[in-house]
Amino acid sequence: MYNLRRFPAPWTMEEDKHGFSVKDASGFHICGVPRREDLHSSGYQYAHQFLSRDEARRIAKAISRLPELLRRPQY
């Protein structure tokens, strides 16, 4: 059977020093969600334009769950 998915499930979320990355089952990097914790604590003027660690984690986790949400129901 031919698999129509280009990025096979399951997708996983991994944290690195710059943020979070989402990878497919073959290890291919699908996307990255950057974060900047150091700016929020220092009162940096443009800190509101960057994601905190928790915000970036939640977005990456939601992206990694997309294959589960898009799966066709089995009848």
C-alpha atoms as a PDB file:
ATOM      1  CA  MET A   1       0.000   0.000   0.000  1.00  0.00           C
ATOM      2  CA  TYR A   2       1.294   3.410  -0.952  1.00  0.00           C
ATOM      3  CA  ASN A   3       1.698   5.843   1.951  1.00  0.00           C
ATOM      4  CA  LEU A   4       0.438   9.311   0.997  1.00  0.00           C
ATOM      5  CA  ARG A   5       2.121  11.030   3.963  1.00  0.00           C
ATOM      6  CA  ARG A   6       5.318  12.868   3.219  1.00  0.00           C
ATOM      7  CA  PHE A   7       6.239  13.143   6.903  1.00  0.00           C
ATOM      8  CA  PRO A   8       5.476   9.818   8.622  1.00  0.00           C
ATOM      9  CA  ALA A   9       3.965   9.776  12.087  1.00  0.00           C
ATOM     10  CA  PRO A  10       4.657   9.870  14.964  1.00  0.00           C
ATOM     11  CA  TRP A  11       6.107  13.332  15.197  1.00  0.00           C
ATOM     12  CA  THR A  12       8.248  14.151  18.209  1.00  0.00           C
ATOM     13  CA  MET A  13       9.160  17.372  19.943  1.00  0.00           C
ATOM     14  CA  GLU A  14      12.719  17.959  21.154  1.00  0.00           C
ATOM     15  CA  GLU A  15      14.182  20.868  23.114  1.00  0.00           C
ATOM     16  CA  ASP A  16      17.512  22.428  22.202  1.00  0.00           C
ATOM     17  CA  LYS A  17      19.292  25.569  23.369  1.00  0.00           C
ATOM     18  CA  HIS A  18      17.369  27.862  20.978  1.00  0.00           C
ATOM     19  CA  GLY A  19      13.860  26.474  21.407  1.00  0.00           C
ATOM     20  CA  PHE A  20      11.943  23.405  20.306  1.00  0.00           C
ATOM     21  CA  SER A  21      12.051  21.358  17.126  1.00  0.00           C
ATOM     22  CA  VAL A  22       9.498  18.955  15.682  1.00  0.00           C
ATOM     23  CA  LYS A  23      10.754  15.865  13.817  1.00  0.00           C
ATOM     24  CA  ASP A  24       8.953  13.092  11.981  1.00  0.00           C
ATOM     25  CA  ALA A  25       9.453   9.348  12.497  1.00  0.00           C
ATOM     26  CA  SER A  26      12.468   9.290  10.156  1.00  0.00           C
ATOM     27  CA  GLY A  27      14.182  12.124  12.068  1.00  0.00           C
ATOM     28  CA  PHE A  28      13.532  14.789   9.426  1.00  0.00           C
ATOM     29  CA  HIS A  29      13.281  18.286  10.933  1.00  0.00           C
ATOM     30  CA  ILE A  30       9.776  19.615  10.177  1.00  0.00           C
ATOM     31  CA  CYS A  31       9.818  22.927  12.026  1.00  0.00           C
ATOM     32  CA  GLY A  32      11.407  24.882  14.845  1.00  0.00           C
ATOM     33  CA  VAL A  33       9.819  27.124  17.453  1.00  0.00           C
ATOM     34  CA  PRO A  34      12.372  29.609  18.836  1.00  0.00           C
ATOM     35  CA  ARG A  35      12.310  31.045  22.363  1.00  0.00           C
ATOM     36  CA  ARG A  36      14.136  33.749  24.296  1.00  0.00           C
ATOM     37  CA  GLU A  37      13.912  33.476  28.088  1.00  0.00           C
ATOM     38  CA  ASP A  38      16.759  35.889  28.767  1.00  0.00           C
ATOM     39  CA  LEU A  39      14.889  38.852  27.290  1.00  0.00           C
ATOM     40  CA  HIS A  40      11.779  38.503  29.456  1.00  0.00           C
ATOM     41  CA  SER A  41      13.704  38.711  32.714  1.00  0.00           C
ATOM     42  CA  SER A  42      15.873  41.673  31.741  1.00  0.00           C
ATOM     43  CA  GLY A  43      13.084  44.077  30.781  1.00  0.00           C
ATOM     44  CA  TYR A  44      14.210  44.142  27.157  1.00  0.00           C
ATOM     45  CA  GLN A  45      12.172  46.652  25.137  1.00  0.00           C
ATOM     46  CA  TYR A  46      11.142  44.177  22.427  1.00  0.00           C
ATOM     47  CA  ALA A  47      10.654  41.144  24.703  1.00  0.00           C
ATOM     48  CA  HIS A  48       6.949  41.015  23.831  1.00  0.00           C
ATOM     49  CA  GLN A  49       7.904  39.971  20.270  1.00  0.00           C
ATOM     50  CA  PHE A  50       9.544  36.734  21.445  1.00  0.00           C
ATOM     51  CA  LEU A  51       8.053  33.560  22.908  1.00  0.00           C
ATOM     52  CA  SER A  52       8.800  32.369  26.418  1.00  0.00           C
ATOM     53  CA  ARG A  53       9.879  28.754  26.979  1.00  0.00           C
ATOM     54  CA  ASP A  54       6.389  27.683  28.019  1.00  0.00           C
ATOM     55  CA  GLU A  55       4.712  29.374  25.033  1.00  0.00           C
ATOM     56  CA  ALA A  56       7.175  27.794  22.589  1.00  0.00           C
ATOM     57  CA  ARG A  57       6.758  24.369  24.213  1.00  0.00           C
ATOM     58  CA  ARG A  58       2.965  24.506  23.919  1.00  0.00           C
ATOM     59  CA  ILE A  59       3.113  25.500  20.241  1.00  0.00           C
ATOM     60  CA  ALA A  60       5.653  22.783  19.394  1.00  0.00           C
ATOM     61  CA  LYS A  61       3.590  20.184  21.274  1.00  0.00           C
ATOM     62  CA  ALA A  62       0.458  21.190  19.337  1.00  0.00           C
ATOM     63  CA  ILE A  63       2.340  20.877  16.038  1.00  0.00           C
ATOM     64  CA  SER A  64       3.683  17.448  17.002  1.00  0.00           C
ATOM     65  CA  ARG A  65       0.116  16.236  17.603  1.00  0.00           C
ATOM     66  CA  LEU A  66      -1.096  17.163  14.092  1.00  0.00           C
ATOM     67  CA  PRO A  67      -0.786  13.621  12.632  1.00  0.00           C
ATOM     68  CA  GLU A  68      -3.077  12.326  15.405  1.00  0.00           C
ATOM     69  CA  LEU A  69      -5.631  15.064  14.781  1.00  0.00           C
ATOM     70  CA  LEU A  70      -5.593  14.654  10.986  1.00  0.00           C
ATOM     71  CA  ARG A  71      -5.877  10.863  11.023  1.00  0.00           C
ATOM     72  CA  ARG A  72      -8.955   9.636   9.218  1.00  0.00           C
ATOM     73  CA  PRO A  73     -11.422   7.847  11.489  1.00  0.00           C
ATOM     74  CA  GLN A  74     -11.544   4.069  11.029  1.00  0.00           C
ATOM     75  CA  TYR A  75     -15.055   2.845  10.200  1.00  0.00           C
END
